[in-house]
């Protein structure tokens, strides 16, 4: 299959790219930074020489750049089978009233406007080629949960779930399928705030994260297998389900997890 992943030069996006390549699929790498795209394409291309690894810089908040990303993938692969909307940012982890305007605007532009741009470009293109799948990446806030310092990011992810649910209904009966992708809580630079933004409650938050969080290497194989197995509109691949969450808290009494120390955090 031919797969486009936005925001795929690091973190979950890069991890998914590697897992798809391990399974023999072709990947289009993308992010805002040209240099990061070039490095990722080179590294993955060297690791998986039998697969096609392409790259295209793209700021998803810019409609014309999203169009260029699709064109590059179509030109390079012939068609796109799966498009994963993974690009996102969380911004500064401080109370909303302390956020600079440029910070929350950047988060909204990437997480909401970028989501809309990508789906507006991709849905008609997939329809024209006879079908395909779109996966929208959920995150903290998708289920309505709140936490100090992530009010804007959480709001964008709550909106993402509503948007996805709405468009799933609109696509019913068409050859284009839209689906939900939820990685749970993954230890990346988006999860761990810089030292100057951690605040007094960080150590308590860290205790909870050690119970619930996982590494990219743990989560991405599950996500990729779920994506490849899905065959219906509105499908959902979710790592941290409610039963799994309950078991993590129960088992934390006798199983001590530490997902930070091995990563130097």
Foldseek 3Di string as FASTA:
>chain_A
DEEEEEPQLDFLNVLLCLLVLVVPEAYEYEEQDPVSQVVSQVVSCVVRVNYHYHYAYAQLLDLVRLLVSLVVSCVVPVHHAEYEHDDAAQFFQAAPVPDDPVRLVSRCSRLPSSVVSNCVNVVVRQLVVQAHEYEYEADALCVPDDDHRRVSVNVSRVVVNVVLVVVLVVCPPGRYAYEYEYQWAEDDCRRDHDPVRCPDCNVVVQQLCQLTYDYSNVRSNQRNVLVVPDDHHHYYRHDCDPVNSVVSVVCCVPDGGDRDVVVVD
